[in-house]
Amino acid sequence: MDNPVIDELQRAGVSYQLINHPPVYTAQEADRYVRGYQFARTKNLFLRAGQVFYLVVIDEQKRLDLRALRQQLHSSRLQFARADQLQEQLGIAAGAVSPLNLVNNSKHDVRVVMDRTIIEQEHRIGCHPNTNRQTVILAIPDLLALVKRWGNELIVLDL
């Protein structure tokens, strides 16, 4: 199966580990298949404020306060994006949201909001590569370099 994320990782020379598993729809489900691997476990939320889209990457154990995030971003009311917007912006369906989906964001207009503790306290991160049937584990600096390479804005906040 041709996967643009895997192709991009290889083109960029990024070292990664690929884990195949049954489809998962939550971070908790994914944890069953990646036991024993060490990486930041996150939940990835696709939000919007009007026509501005945000991909929020937060530790899976944290609960996101949308009101506080809105204030930090100086934005209008945040809400979850609709399924059609997720498909249009990131080329995927619900259950496979990941920072690696940004490879599909040809306008480079989705803003990435990442929890500072993930960057400062973790070395590696697990992400879906456009499918919820696989998890890619890669170094966090490599992920941040990919976001920059793809031209998306990165916002680091204390979430």
Protein backbone atom coordinates (compact mmCIF):
# COMPACT_ATOMS: atom_id res chain seq x y z
CA MET A 1 0.00 0.00 0.00
CA ASP A 2 1.38 3.39 -1.01
CA ASN A 3 1.41 5.80 1.94
CA PRO A 4 2.44 9.45 1.41
CA VAL A 5 3.49 9.77 5.05
CA ILE A 6 5.90 6.85 4.88
CA ASP A 7 7.17 8.13 1.52
CA GLU A 8 7.78 11.56 3.06
CA LEU A 9 9.57 10.12 6.10
CA GLN A 10 11.88 8.21 3.79
CA ARG A 11 12.47 11.24 1.54
CA ALA A 12 13.33 13.36 4.58
CA GLY A 13 15.69 10.69 5.92
CA VAL A 14 13.70 10.36 9.15
CA SER A 15 14.35 7.27 11.23
CA TYR A 16 11.11 5.67 12.41
CA GLN A 17 9.56 2.47 13.64
CA LEU A 18 6.29 1.21 12.10
CA ILE A 19 3.80 -0.88 14.08
CA ASN A 20 0.87 -2.56 12.31
CA HIS A 21 -2.29 -3.23 14.32
CA PRO A 22 -6.08 -3.48 13.97
CA PRO A 23 -7.97 -0.18 13.48
CA VAL A 24 -8.06 2.00 16.63
CA TYR A 25 -10.16 5.07 17.30
CA THR A 26 -8.82 6.35 20.61
CA ALA A 27 -5.42 6.67 22.27
CA GLN A 28 -6.54 4.13 24.85
CA GLU A 29 -7.35 1.56 22.15
CA ALA A 30 -3.99 2.15 20.47
CA ASP A 31 -2.18 1.58 23.77
CA ARG A 32 -3.17 -2.10 23.67
CA TYR A 33 -1.04 -2.63 20.57
CA VAL A 34 2.01 -0.56 21.46
CA ARG A 35 2.75 -1.86 24.95
CA GLY A 36 6.45 -2.09 25.60
CA TYR A 37 7.33 0.78 23.25
CA GLN A 38 8.56 4.00 24.82
CA PHE A 39 7.13 7.21 23.35
CA ALA A 40 4.82 10.11 24.16
CA ARG A 41 1.25 8.93 23.95
CA THR A 42 -0.96 11.71 22.75
CA LYS A 43 -4.45 12.52 21.68
CA ASN A 44 -4.78 14.64 18.59
CA LEU A 45 -7.77 16.93 18.29
CA PHE A 46 -8.82 18.75 15.13
CA LEU A 47 -10.48 22.03 16.09
CA ARG A 48 -11.68 25.14 14.35
CA ALA A 49 -12.42 28.74 15.16
CA GLY A 50 -14.48 29.88 12.19
CA GLN A 51 -12.35 28.97 9.18
CA VAL A 52 -9.07 28.73 11.13
CA PHE A 53 -8.09 25.12 11.83
CA TYR A 54 -5.94 23.79 14.66
CA LEU A 55 -4.42 20.35 15.16
CA VAL A 56 -3.91 20.07 18.93
CA VAL A 57 -1.40 17.51 20.23
CA ILE A 58 -1.79 16.88 23.95
CA ASP A 59 -0.74 14.15 26.38
CA GLU A 60 -3.38 11.42 26.33
CA GLN A 61 -3.86 11.73 30.11
CA LYS A 62 -4.64 15.44 30.00
CA ARG A 63 -8.02 16.98 29.51
CA LEU A 64 -8.08 19.96 27.14
CA ASP A 65 -9.75 23.12 28.44
CA LEU A 66 -11.15 24.66 25.24
CA ARG A 67 -11.90 27.99 26.92
CA ALA A 68 -8.32 28.32 28.22
CA LEU A 69 -6.91 27.29 24.83
CA ARG A 70 -9.09 29.88 23.08
CA GLN A 71 -7.68 32.55 25.39
CA GLN A 72 -4.08 31.43 24.80
CA LEU A 73 -4.64 31.50 21.03
CA HIS A 74 -6.54 34.81 21.16
CA SER A 75 -9.16 33.18 18.97
CA SER A 76 -12.89 33.07 18.71
CA ARG A 77 -14.84 30.10 20.10
CA LEU A 78 -13.18 26.75 19.43
CA GLN A 79 -15.14 23.70 18.39
CA PHE A 80 -14.42 20.34 16.89
CA ALA A 81 -14.18 20.44 13.11
CA ARG A 82 -16.77 18.53 11.11
CA ALA A 83 -15.91 15.25 9.36
CA ASP A 84 -16.00 16.91 5.94
CA GLN A 85 -13.56 19.60 7.12
CA LEU A 86 -11.24 16.93 8.52
CA GLN A 87 -11.32 15.16 5.16
CA GLU A 88 -10.79 18.40 3.22
CA GLN A 89 -7.96 19.77 5.38
CA LEU A 90 -6.08 16.62 6.38
CA GLY A 91 -7.33 13.99 3.93
CA ILE A 92 -8.41 11.55 6.62
CA ALA A 93 -11.44 10.39 8.59
CA ALA A 94 -12.07 10.62 12.32
CA GLY A 95 -9.99 8.13 14.29
CA ALA A 96 -6.78 8.71 12.35
CA VAL A 97 -5.98 12.33 13.32
CA SER A 98 -2.25 12.84 13.67
CA PRO A 99 0.41 15.50 13.09
CA LEU A 100 1.62 13.33 10.22
CA ASN A 101 -1.65 14.10 8.39
CA LEU A 102 -0.20 17.54 7.68
CA VAL A 103 1.51 15.98 4.67
CA ASN A 104 -1.99 16.22 3.10
CA ASN A 105 -2.55 19.89 4.01
CA SER A 106 -1.56 21.39 0.67
CA LYS A 107 -2.49 24.94 1.76
CA HIS A 108 -0.26 24.61 4.86
CA ASP A 109 -2.93 26.53 6.77
CA VAL A 110 -3.64 24.12 9.63
CA ARG A 111 -1.93 25.43 12.76
CA VAL A 112 -0.30 22.86 15.02
CA VAL A 113 -0.70 23.43 18.75
CA MET A 114 1.61 21.20 20.77
CA ASP A 115 1.74 20.79 24.51
CA ARG A 116 5.11 22.09 25.73
CA THR A 117 5.57 19.16 28.15
CA ILE A 118 5.62 16.72 25.23
CA ILE A 119 8.49 18.61 23.60
CA GLU A 120 10.43 19.18 26.82
CA GLN A 121 9.92 15.85 28.58
CA GLU A 122 9.65 13.25 25.84
CA HIS A 123 12.11 11.96 23.25
CA ARG A 124 9.81 10.11 20.85
CA ILE A 125 6.17 10.28 19.81
CA GLY A 126 3.73 7.83 18.28
CA CYS A 127 1.51 9.02 15.42
CA HIS A 128 -0.87 7.48 12.90
CA PRO A 129 0.48 7.72 9.31
CA ASN A 130 -2.85 8.56 7.58
CA THR A 131 -4.36 5.31 8.82
CA ASN A 132 -5.53 4.13 12.20
CA ARG A 133 -4.14 0.66 11.37
CA GLN A 134 -0.52 1.71 11.97
CA THR A 135 1.53 3.70 14.44
CA VAL A 136 4.78 5.40 13.51
CA ILE A 137 7.23 6.10 16.31
CA LEU A 138 9.72 8.88 15.60
CA ALA A 139 11.88 11.39 17.44
CA ILE A 140 10.04 14.55 18.46
CA PRO A 141 12.68 16.84 16.89
CA ASP A 142 12.13 14.97 13.60
CA LEU A 143 8.37 15.54 13.85
CA LEU A 144 8.89 19.26 14.52
CA ALA A 145 11.26 19.46 11.55
CA LEU A 146 8.62 17.82 9.35
CA VAL A 147 5.97 20.33 10.46
CA LYS A 148 8.38 23.12 9.53
CA ARG A 149 9.26 21.41 6.23
CA TRP A 150 5.57 21.17 5.34
CA GLY A 151 5.09 24.88 6.08
CA ASN A 152 2.54 24.67 8.89
CA GLU A 153 2.67 27.06 11.83
CA LEU A 154 3.76 25.45 15.11
CA ILE A 155 2.44 26.90 18.35
CA VAL A 156 3.88 25.51 21.60
CA LEU A 157 1.72 26.11 24.69
CA ASP A 158 1.33 24.89 28.24
CA LEU A 159 -1.86 22.87 27.92
